[in-house]
Structures are given as structure tokens and as C-alpha cells.
Amino acid sequence: MKQQQFKITLGDDLRAKLDDSSSLNLRSIAEEIRQRLEMSFDIQGDGHTLDLIYAILFLAHETMRDLGTTWWGDERARSAFMAAIADQVMSYPITPSDLAARPLIALGTREQQAGPEDPPEVIGRAIARNYRRRVRPLGLQSDKFDISRFRELMRSNKETKT
């Protein structure tokens, strides 16, 4: 695919953020911009999920402001943050007609698939473990997050659904 160059003007603050982030992620500023732009398109398709992403960022900030520590800083902050996220998730309406149109999607091996009798909490924990195993196998080190692997997994999940 042919690449094109664009000339843009960035303020000093934004340029400094890009410098810091590109150093942290061990990539060029151009690659950092490309990755961030790709991510912005990855999340734009689903309005509720995009809203939840912004809500989580806001809730994390408010947790820190109200409790004086990050949500991962102590158990009380973590509990407050989890309650805030749960409340936000529950605020999105469920349309019954949407539920009937969506059968369970067969992903992974037979043993990995959720069945109608599986409790939602068990399914949720399995989904979270799968994220940590497939997307963040090396932990929380930001220089180890593989955005290309993440995007590949997200694309393959979309293709499976269609």
C-alpha cells in the first residue's frame, strides 16, 4: 500500500506527549501517530463502547481525585472504581429485540465457548483472562503491549461474526 505524507502543525504540549509516548513504546514518532490514529478508528464504530471507554477514563480520574490515590493504589479505591464502572455499565439500556437477534458466537475451541447455562460472572472472568493471555501476555509493561496483535485479534473476531 502506498503511503502518503501529511504536513501538520502540533503544539508544544502535544509534541512533548508524542515524544514521551514514542520513547516509552520504543517506536518512532511517525509510528506512534499511526498507531494512535488506527486505534481511534478501531473504537469509533460502537457508540456505547466508545462512551464507556471515555467514562472509564473519567471515573479513574474522579476516583483519584476523590480518594487521593489511583484505582490500583489501594483496595478502597479499587472497590469504588469497580462500583462506578458497574453503575455506568448498568446505565446503558438493553433493547430486547437486539438480544433475540444475537445468538452465542462460536469462538475458540469447543471447551472455550460460553454456553447458555454458564453464569455471566464466569464468562466475564474467562473473557478477562483471555485478554490477559492473548493481548497482554507480558503483563502491564506498556512497551510490551502489542497493538498490532490486538488489532489482528479484533479483526479476526469481526470476521468470525459475519
N, C-alpha and C. Protein backbone atom coordinates (compact mmCIF):
# COMPACT_ATOMS: atom_id res chain seq x y z
N MET A 1 0.83 -1.16 0.00
CA MET A 1 0.00 0.00 0.00
C MET A 1 0.89 1.24 0.00
N LYS A 2 0.56 2.17 -0.85
CA LYS A 2 1.32 3.40 -0.95
C LYS A 2 1.03 4.30 0.25
N GLN A 3 2.09 4.84 0.83
CA GLN A 3 1.93 5.74 1.97
C GLN A 3 2.05 7.17 1.50
N GLN A 4 1.29 8.05 2.12
CA GLN A 4 1.34 9.46 1.80
C GLN A 4 1.77 10.24 3.03
N GLN A 5 2.46 11.33 2.79
CA GLN A 5 2.88 12.18 3.89
C GLN A 5 1.90 13.34 4.03
N PHE A 6 1.67 13.72 5.28
CA PHE A 6 0.84 14.87 5.59
C PHE A 6 1.64 15.82 6.45
N LYS A 7 1.51 17.07 6.18
CA LYS A 7 2.18 18.07 6.99
C LYS A 7 1.16 18.64 7.96
N ILE A 8 1.44 18.48 9.27
CA ILE A 8 0.54 19.01 10.29
C ILE A 8 1.34 19.82 11.30
N THR A 9 0.65 20.70 11.96
CA THR A 9 1.27 21.52 12.99
C THR A 9 0.79 21.04 14.35
N LEU A 10 1.72 20.83 15.26
CA LEU A 10 1.41 20.37 16.60
C LEU A 10 1.89 21.40 17.62
N GLY A 11 1.11 21.57 18.66
CA GLY A 11 1.54 22.44 19.76
C GLY A 11 2.66 21.77 20.54
N ASP A 12 3.37 22.56 21.32
CA ASP A 12 4.50 22.04 22.10
C ASP A 12 4.07 20.93 23.06
N ASP A 13 2.91 21.09 23.71
CA ASP A 13 2.43 20.08 24.66
C ASP A 13 2.16 18.75 23.97
N LEU A 14 1.48 18.81 22.84
CA LEU A 14 1.15 17.57 22.11
C LEU A 14 2.42 16.91 21.58
N ARG A 15 3.33 17.70 21.08
CA ARG A 15 4.60 17.16 20.58
C ARG A 15 5.38 16.49 21.72
N ALA A 16 5.38 17.10 22.90
CA ALA A 16 6.08 16.52 24.05
C ALA A 16 5.44 15.20 24.46
N LYS A 17 4.10 15.14 24.44
CA LYS A 17 3.40 13.90 24.76
C LYS A 17 3.75 12.80 23.75
N LEU A 18 3.80 13.16 22.48
CA LEU A 18 4.17 12.18 21.45
C LEU A 18 5.62 11.72 21.62
N ASP A 19 6.51 12.64 21.93
CA ASP A 19 7.91 12.27 22.19
C ASP A 19 8.01 11.27 23.33
N ASP A 20 7.32 11.60 24.44
CA ASP A 20 7.36 10.71 25.61
C ASP A 20 6.78 9.34 25.30
N SER A 21 5.64 9.34 24.64
CA SER A 21 4.95 8.08 24.34
C SER A 21 5.73 7.23 23.35
N SER A 22 6.30 7.87 22.34
CA SER A 22 7.07 7.10 21.36
C SER A 22 8.32 6.50 22.00
N SER A 23 8.94 7.23 22.92
CA SER A 23 10.11 6.69 23.64
C SER A 23 9.70 5.51 24.52
N LEU A 24 8.60 5.67 25.24
CA LEU A 24 8.10 4.62 26.11
C LEU A 24 7.75 3.35 25.32
N ASN A 25 7.16 3.54 24.14
CA ASN A 25 6.72 2.41 23.33
C ASN A 25 7.77 1.92 22.34
N LEU A 26 8.96 2.53 22.40
CA LEU A 26 10.08 2.12 21.55
C LEU A 26 9.75 2.15 20.06
N ARG A 27 9.15 3.25 19.63
CA ARG A 27 8.86 3.41 18.21
C ARG A 27 9.03 4.87 17.81
N SER A 28 9.11 5.10 16.53
CA SER A 28 9.29 6.47 16.04
C SER A 28 8.03 7.28 16.30
N ILE A 29 8.17 8.59 16.24
CA ILE A 29 7.01 9.46 16.43
C ILE A 29 6.00 9.20 15.31
N ALA A 30 6.48 9.00 14.09
CA ALA A 30 5.57 8.72 12.98
C ALA A 30 4.77 7.44 13.24
N GLU A 31 5.44 6.41 13.74
CA GLU A 31 4.74 5.15 14.05
C GLU A 31 3.79 5.33 15.22
N GLU A 32 4.17 6.13 16.20
CA GLU A 32 3.29 6.42 17.33
C GLU A 32 2.01 7.10 16.85
N ILE A 33 2.16 8.06 15.95
CA ILE A 33 0.99 8.77 15.40
C ILE A 33 0.12 7.78 14.62
N ARG A 34 0.74 6.93 13.78
CA ARG A 34 -0.03 5.95 13.01
C ARG A 34 -0.81 5.01 13.94
N GLN A 35 -0.14 4.49 14.98
CA GLN A 35 -0.80 3.56 15.90
C GLN A 35 -1.98 4.23 16.61
N ARG A 36 -1.77 5.45 17.06
CA ARG A 36 -2.84 6.15 17.77
C ARG A 36 -4.00 6.49 16.85
N LEU A 37 -3.71 6.83 15.63
CA LEU A 37 -4.76 7.11 14.66
C LEU A 37 -5.55 5.85 14.33
N GLU A 38 -4.85 4.74 14.15
CA GLU A 38 -5.51 3.45 13.91
C GLU A 38 -6.42 3.09 15.07
N MET A 39 -5.94 3.27 16.31
CA MET A 39 -6.76 2.95 17.48
C MET A 39 -8.03 3.79 17.50
N SER A 40 -7.91 5.06 17.11
CA SER A 40 -9.10 5.92 17.14
C SER A 40 -10.16 5.41 16.16
N PHE A 41 -9.75 4.83 15.04
CA PHE A 41 -10.71 4.27 14.10
C PHE A 41 -11.24 2.93 14.60
N ASP A 42 -10.41 2.18 15.33
CA ASP A 42 -10.85 0.88 15.87
C ASP A 42 -12.05 1.03 16.79
N ILE A 43 -12.10 2.10 17.57
CA ILE A 43 -13.14 2.24 18.58
C ILE A 43 -14.32 3.09 18.15
N GLN A 44 -14.28 3.69 16.99
CA GLN A 44 -15.34 4.62 16.64
C GLN A 44 -16.65 3.95 16.22
N GLY A 45 -16.63 2.67 15.87
CA GLY A 45 -17.82 2.04 15.31
C GLY A 45 -18.93 1.77 16.30
N ASP A 46 -18.64 1.61 17.58
CA ASP A 46 -19.63 1.23 18.57
C ASP A 46 -19.77 2.37 19.57
N GLY A 47 -20.85 3.11 19.48
CA GLY A 47 -21.05 4.29 20.30
C GLY A 47 -21.08 4.01 21.79
N HIS A 48 -21.75 2.93 22.20
CA HIS A 48 -21.81 2.62 23.63
C HIS A 48 -20.43 2.26 24.17
N THR A 49 -19.67 1.48 23.42
CA THR A 49 -18.34 1.10 23.89
C THR A 49 -17.41 2.31 23.94
N LEU A 50 -17.49 3.17 22.94
CA LEU A 50 -16.68 4.39 22.95
C LEU A 50 -17.05 5.26 24.15
N ASP A 51 -18.34 5.39 24.41
CA ASP A 51 -18.78 6.15 25.57
C ASP A 51 -18.25 5.52 26.86
N LEU A 52 -18.27 4.20 26.94
CA LEU A 52 -17.78 3.51 28.14
C LEU A 52 -16.27 3.72 28.31
N ILE A 53 -15.53 3.72 27.21
CA ILE A 53 -14.09 3.97 27.29
C ILE A 53 -13.82 5.35 27.89
N TYR A 54 -14.53 6.36 27.39
CA TYR A 54 -14.36 7.70 27.94
C TYR A 54 -14.84 7.76 29.39
N ALA A 55 -15.94 7.05 29.70
CA ALA A 55 -16.44 7.04 31.07
C ALA A 55 -15.41 6.42 32.01
N ILE A 56 -14.77 5.33 31.58
CA ILE A 56 -13.76 4.69 32.43
C ILE A 56 -12.60 5.64 32.71
N LEU A 57 -12.17 6.36 31.70
CA LEU A 57 -11.10 7.35 31.91
C LEU A 57 -11.54 8.42 32.91
N PHE A 58 -12.76 8.91 32.76
CA PHE A 58 -13.29 9.92 33.68
C PHE A 58 -13.42 9.35 35.08
N LEU A 59 -13.97 8.13 35.20
CA LEU A 59 -14.16 7.50 36.50
C LEU A 59 -12.83 7.25 37.20
N ALA A 60 -11.81 6.87 36.45
CA ALA A 60 -10.47 6.68 37.03
C ALA A 60 -9.94 8.00 37.58
N HIS A 61 -10.13 9.06 36.81
CA HIS A 61 -9.67 10.38 37.24
C HIS A 61 -10.43 10.83 38.51
N GLU A 62 -11.75 10.65 38.50
CA GLU A 62 -12.55 11.07 39.65
C GLU A 62 -12.24 10.23 40.89
N THR A 63 -11.96 8.95 40.70
CA THR A 63 -11.57 8.09 41.83
C THR A 63 -10.30 8.62 42.46
N MET A 64 -9.34 8.98 41.63
CA MET A 64 -8.08 9.51 42.14
C MET A 64 -8.31 10.85 42.85
N ARG A 65 -9.14 11.68 42.26
CA ARG A 65 -9.42 12.99 42.86
C ARG A 65 -10.14 12.86 44.20
N ASP A 66 -11.14 11.98 44.26
CA ASP A 66 -11.94 11.85 45.48
C ASP A 66 -11.21 11.08 46.59
N LEU A 67 -10.43 10.07 46.22
CA LEU A 67 -9.80 9.22 47.23
C LEU A 67 -8.31 9.49 47.42
N GLY A 68 -7.74 10.34 46.58
CA GLY A 68 -6.34 10.70 46.74
C GLY A 68 -5.35 9.64 46.30
N THR A 69 -5.81 8.63 45.58
CA THR A 69 -4.93 7.59 45.08
C THR A 69 -5.53 7.02 43.79
N THR A 70 -4.69 6.40 42.99
CA THR A 70 -5.19 5.77 41.76
C THR A 70 -6.06 4.58 42.11
N TRP A 71 -6.88 4.14 41.17
CA TRP A 71 -7.77 3.00 41.44
C TRP A 71 -6.99 1.73 41.74
N TRP A 72 -5.78 1.66 41.27
CA TRP A 72 -4.95 0.49 41.58
C TRP A 72 -4.07 0.74 42.80
N GLY A 73 -4.24 1.90 43.43
CA GLY A 73 -3.39 2.29 44.56
C GLY A 73 -3.73 1.62 45.87
N ASP A 74 -5.01 1.35 46.10
CA ASP A 74 -5.38 0.61 47.32
C ASP A 74 -6.75 -0.04 47.10
N GLU A 75 -7.11 -0.88 48.05
CA GLU A 75 -8.33 -1.69 47.88
C GLU A 75 -9.59 -0.84 47.91
N ARG A 76 -9.62 0.18 48.73
CA ARG A 76 -10.81 1.06 48.80
C ARG A 76 -11.03 1.78 47.48
N ALA A 77 -9.97 2.31 46.89
CA ALA A 77 -10.07 2.99 45.60
C ALA A 77 -10.50 2.01 44.51
N ARG A 78 -9.93 0.81 44.54
CA ARG A 78 -10.30 -0.22 43.55
C ARG A 78 -11.79 -0.56 43.67
N SER A 79 -12.28 -0.72 44.89
CA SER A 79 -13.69 -1.06 45.10
C SER A 79 -14.60 0.07 44.61
N ALA A 80 -14.22 1.30 44.90
CA ALA A 80 -15.02 2.45 44.44
C ALA A 80 -15.03 2.51 42.91
N PHE A 81 -13.89 2.29 42.32
CA PHE A 81 -13.77 2.33 40.86
C PHE A 81 -14.62 1.22 40.22
N MET A 82 -14.54 0.02 40.78
CA MET A 82 -15.34 -1.10 40.25
C MET A 82 -16.83 -0.79 40.37
N ALA A 83 -17.25 -0.21 41.47
CA ALA A 83 -18.66 0.14 41.65
C ALA A 83 -19.07 1.21 40.64
N ALA A 84 -18.20 2.17 40.39
CA ALA A 84 -18.51 3.22 39.41
C ALA A 84 -18.64 2.63 38.01
N ILE A 85 -17.75 1.73 37.65
CA ILE A 85 -17.82 1.09 36.33
C ILE A 85 -19.09 0.26 36.21
N ALA A 86 -19.39 -0.54 37.23
CA ALA A 86 -20.60 -1.37 37.20
C ALA A 86 -21.84 -0.49 37.04
N ASP A 87 -21.90 0.62 37.78
CA ASP A 87 -23.04 1.53 37.68
C ASP A 87 -23.14 2.11 36.28
N GLN A 88 -22.00 2.48 35.71
CA GLN A 88 -22.01 3.04 34.36
C GLN A 88 -22.48 2.00 33.35
N VAL A 89 -21.97 0.79 33.43
CA VAL A 89 -22.37 -0.28 32.51
C VAL A 89 -23.88 -0.52 32.61
N MET A 90 -24.39 -0.54 33.84
CA MET A 90 -25.82 -0.80 34.02
C MET A 90 -26.69 0.35 33.52
N SER A 91 -26.10 1.52 33.28
CA SER A 91 -26.89 2.66 32.81
C SER A 91 -27.22 2.58 31.33
N TYR A 92 -26.58 1.67 30.59
CA TYR A 92 -26.87 1.54 29.17
C TYR A 92 -28.09 0.64 29.00
N PRO A 93 -29.09 1.12 28.27
CA PRO A 93 -30.31 0.32 28.12
C PRO A 93 -30.07 -0.91 27.24
N ILE A 94 -30.75 -1.98 27.57
CA ILE A 94 -30.71 -3.19 26.75
C ILE A 94 -32.01 -3.24 25.96
N THR A 95 -31.89 -3.39 24.66
CA THR A 95 -33.05 -3.50 23.81
C THR A 95 -33.35 -4.98 23.59
N PRO A 96 -34.49 -5.48 24.11
CA PRO A 96 -34.79 -6.91 24.00
C PRO A 96 -34.74 -7.43 22.56
N SER A 97 -35.13 -6.64 21.59
CA SER A 97 -35.11 -7.11 20.20
C SER A 97 -33.67 -7.35 19.73
N ASP A 98 -32.71 -6.59 20.27
CA ASP A 98 -31.30 -6.81 19.92
C ASP A 98 -30.80 -8.15 20.47
N LEU A 99 -31.25 -8.51 21.67
CA LEU A 99 -30.80 -9.75 22.28
C LEU A 99 -31.25 -10.97 21.49
N ALA A 100 -32.47 -10.96 21.02
CA ALA A 100 -33.01 -12.11 20.29
C ALA A 100 -32.29 -12.31 18.96
N ALA A 101 -31.75 -11.25 18.41
CA ALA A 101 -31.09 -11.34 17.11
C ALA A 101 -29.65 -11.81 17.21
N ARG A 102 -29.12 -11.95 18.42
CA ARG A 102 -27.71 -12.28 18.59
C ARG A 102 -27.52 -13.64 19.25
N PRO A 103 -27.34 -14.68 18.47
CA PRO A 103 -27.04 -15.97 19.09
C PRO A 103 -25.63 -15.95 19.65
N LEU A 104 -25.32 -16.91 20.53
CA LEU A 104 -23.96 -17.02 21.03
C LEU A 104 -23.01 -17.21 19.86
N ILE A 105 -21.89 -16.53 19.90
CA ILE A 105 -20.91 -16.61 18.82
C ILE A 105 -19.90 -17.68 19.17
N ALA A 106 -19.66 -18.59 18.24
CA ALA A 106 -18.70 -19.66 18.48
C ALA A 106 -17.29 -19.17 18.19
N LEU A 107 -16.53 -18.99 19.26
CA LEU A 107 -15.14 -18.57 19.14
C LEU A 107 -14.28 -19.57 19.89
N GLY A 108 -13.07 -19.76 19.44
CA GLY A 108 -12.15 -20.65 20.15
C GLY A 108 -12.54 -22.10 20.00
N THR A 109 -12.00 -22.91 20.88
CA THR A 109 -12.30 -24.34 20.84
C THR A 109 -13.64 -24.59 21.52
N ARG A 110 -14.16 -25.77 21.38
CA ARG A 110 -15.44 -26.14 21.98
C ARG A 110 -15.43 -25.89 23.49
N GLU A 111 -14.29 -26.19 24.14
CA GLU A 111 -14.19 -26.01 25.59
C GLU A 111 -14.19 -24.54 26.00
N GLN A 112 -13.79 -23.64 25.09
CA GLN A 112 -13.71 -22.23 25.43
C GLN A 112 -15.02 -21.49 25.22
N GLN A 113 -15.95 -22.08 24.52
CA GLN A 113 -17.18 -21.38 24.17
C GLN A 113 -18.12 -21.30 25.37
N ALA A 114 -18.79 -20.17 25.49
CA ALA A 114 -19.76 -19.98 26.56
C ALA A 114 -21.06 -20.67 26.16
N GLY A 115 -21.64 -21.33 27.12
CA GLY A 115 -22.93 -21.96 26.90
C GLY A 115 -24.02 -21.19 27.58
N PRO A 116 -25.28 -21.43 27.20
CA PRO A 116 -26.39 -20.69 27.81
C PRO A 116 -26.53 -20.93 29.31
N GLU A 117 -25.99 -22.04 29.82
CA GLU A 117 -26.09 -22.33 31.25
C GLU A 117 -24.94 -21.73 32.06
N ASP A 118 -23.91 -21.20 31.41
CA ASP A 118 -22.77 -20.64 32.13
C ASP A 118 -23.15 -19.31 32.78
N PRO A 119 -22.83 -19.11 34.07
CA PRO A 119 -23.12 -17.84 34.73
C PRO A 119 -22.32 -16.70 34.09
N PRO A 120 -22.94 -15.52 33.96
CA PRO A 120 -22.25 -14.38 33.34
C PRO A 120 -20.93 -14.03 34.02
N GLU A 121 -20.84 -14.19 35.35
CA GLU A 121 -19.61 -13.86 36.06
C GLU A 121 -18.46 -14.76 35.64
N VAL A 122 -18.76 -16.03 35.43
CA VAL A 122 -17.75 -16.99 35.00
C VAL A 122 -17.29 -16.65 33.58
N ILE A 123 -18.24 -16.33 32.72
CA ILE A 123 -17.91 -15.95 31.34
C ILE A 123 -17.05 -14.69 31.34
N GLY A 124 -17.45 -13.71 32.17
CA GLY A 124 -16.69 -12.46 32.24
C GLY A 124 -15.26 -12.67 32.70
N ARG A 125 -15.07 -13.49 33.73
CA ARG A 125 -13.71 -13.76 34.20
C ARG A 125 -12.90 -14.48 33.12
N ALA A 126 -13.53 -15.37 32.39
CA ALA A 126 -12.83 -16.08 31.31
C ALA A 126 -12.44 -15.11 30.19
N ILE A 127 -13.32 -14.18 29.88
CA ILE A 127 -13.02 -13.17 28.85
C ILE A 127 -11.84 -12.32 29.29
N ALA A 128 -11.82 -11.90 30.55
CA ALA A 128 -10.72 -11.08 31.07
C ALA A 128 -9.41 -11.85 31.05
N ARG A 129 -9.44 -13.11 31.46
CA ARG A 129 -8.22 -13.93 31.42
C ARG A 129 -7.74 -14.10 29.98
N ASN A 130 -8.67 -14.27 29.06
CA ASN A 130 -8.30 -14.41 27.65
C ASN A 130 -7.63 -13.14 27.14
N TYR A 131 -8.14 -11.97 27.55
CA TYR A 131 -7.49 -10.70 27.19
C TYR A 131 -6.05 -10.68 27.69
N ARG A 132 -5.87 -11.03 28.97
CA ARG A 132 -4.51 -11.00 29.55
C ARG A 132 -3.60 -12.03 28.87
N ARG A 133 -4.16 -13.16 28.48
CA ARG A 133 -3.35 -14.21 27.84
C ARG A 133 -2.99 -13.86 26.40
N ARG A 134 -3.94 -13.31 25.66
CA ARG A 134 -3.71 -13.09 24.24
C ARG A 134 -3.19 -11.69 23.90
N VAL A 135 -3.62 -10.68 24.62
CA VAL A 135 -3.25 -9.30 24.29
C VAL A 135 -2.12 -8.80 25.18
N ARG A 136 -2.14 -9.11 26.44
CA ARG A 136 -1.13 -8.64 27.39
C ARG A 136 -0.39 -9.81 28.03
N PRO A 137 0.18 -10.70 27.23
CA PRO A 137 0.83 -11.87 27.83
C PRO A 137 2.05 -11.53 28.66
N LEU A 138 2.63 -10.36 28.45
CA LEU A 138 3.84 -9.98 29.19
C LEU A 138 3.55 -9.01 30.32
N GLY A 139 2.28 -8.87 30.68
CA GLY A 139 1.94 -8.03 31.82
C GLY A 139 1.60 -6.62 31.43
N LEU A 140 1.74 -5.72 32.39
CA LEU A 140 1.31 -4.34 32.21
C LEU A 140 2.39 -3.42 31.67
N GLN A 141 3.53 -3.97 31.30
CA GLN A 141 4.60 -3.11 30.78
C GLN A 141 4.15 -2.50 29.46
N SER A 142 4.05 -1.17 29.41
CA SER A 142 3.49 -0.52 28.23
C SER A 142 4.33 -0.77 26.99
N ASP A 143 5.63 -0.99 27.16
CA ASP A 143 6.45 -1.23 25.98
C ASP A 143 6.25 -2.65 25.44
N LYS A 144 5.49 -3.48 26.16
CA LYS A 144 5.24 -4.84 25.71
C LYS A 144 3.85 -5.00 25.11
N PHE A 145 3.01 -3.96 25.18
CA PHE A 145 1.68 -4.05 24.61
C PHE A 145 1.81 -4.09 23.10
N ASP A 146 1.28 -5.12 22.49
CA ASP A 146 1.41 -5.31 21.05
C ASP A 146 0.13 -4.87 20.36
N ILE A 147 0.09 -3.59 19.96
CA ILE A 147 -1.12 -3.04 19.35
C ILE A 147 -1.44 -3.77 18.04
N SER A 148 -0.43 -4.17 17.30
CA SER A 148 -0.72 -4.87 16.04
C SER A 148 -1.37 -6.23 16.32
N ARG A 149 -0.93 -6.91 17.38
CA ARG A 149 -1.55 -8.18 17.77
C ARG A 149 -2.99 -7.93 18.23
N PHE A 150 -3.20 -6.89 19.00
CA PHE A 150 -4.54 -6.54 19.46
C PHE A 150 -5.45 -6.29 18.26
N ARG A 151 -5.00 -5.49 17.31
CA ARG A 151 -5.81 -5.17 16.14
C ARG A 151 -6.09 -6.43 15.32
N GLU A 152 -5.10 -7.31 15.21
CA GLU A 152 -5.29 -8.57 14.48
C GLU A 152 -6.38 -9.41 15.14
N LEU A 153 -6.35 -9.51 16.47
CA LEU A 153 -7.36 -10.28 17.19
C LEU A 153 -8.74 -9.65 17.02
N MET A 154 -8.82 -8.33 17.07
CA MET A 154 -10.11 -7.65 16.91
C MET A 154 -10.65 -7.86 15.50
N ARG A 155 -9.78 -7.79 14.51
CA ARG A 155 -10.22 -8.02 13.12
C ARG A 155 -10.71 -9.45 12.94
N SER A 156 -9.98 -10.42 13.49
CA SER A 156 -10.38 -11.82 13.32
C SER A 156 -11.70 -12.08 14.03
N ASN A 157 -11.97 -11.40 15.15
CA ASN A 157 -13.26 -11.56 15.83
C ASN A 157 -14.40 -10.98 15.00
N LYS A 158 -14.17 -9.84 14.34
CA LYS A 158 -15.20 -9.25 13.47
C LYS A 158 -15.50 -10.16 12.29
N GLU A 159 -14.46 -10.75 11.72
CA GLU A 159 -14.65 -11.64 10.56
C GLU A 159 -15.41 -12.89 10.96
N THR A 160 -15.19 -13.39 12.17
CA THR A 160 -15.89 -14.58 12.65
C THR A 160 -17.38 -14.31 12.82
N LYS A 161 -17.72 -13.08 13.22
CA LYS A 161 -19.12 -12.74 13.48
C LYS A 161 -19.93 -12.60 12.19
N THR A 162 -19.27 -12.24 11.11
CA THR A 162 -20.01 -12.01 9.86
C THR A 162 -20.16 -13.28 9.06
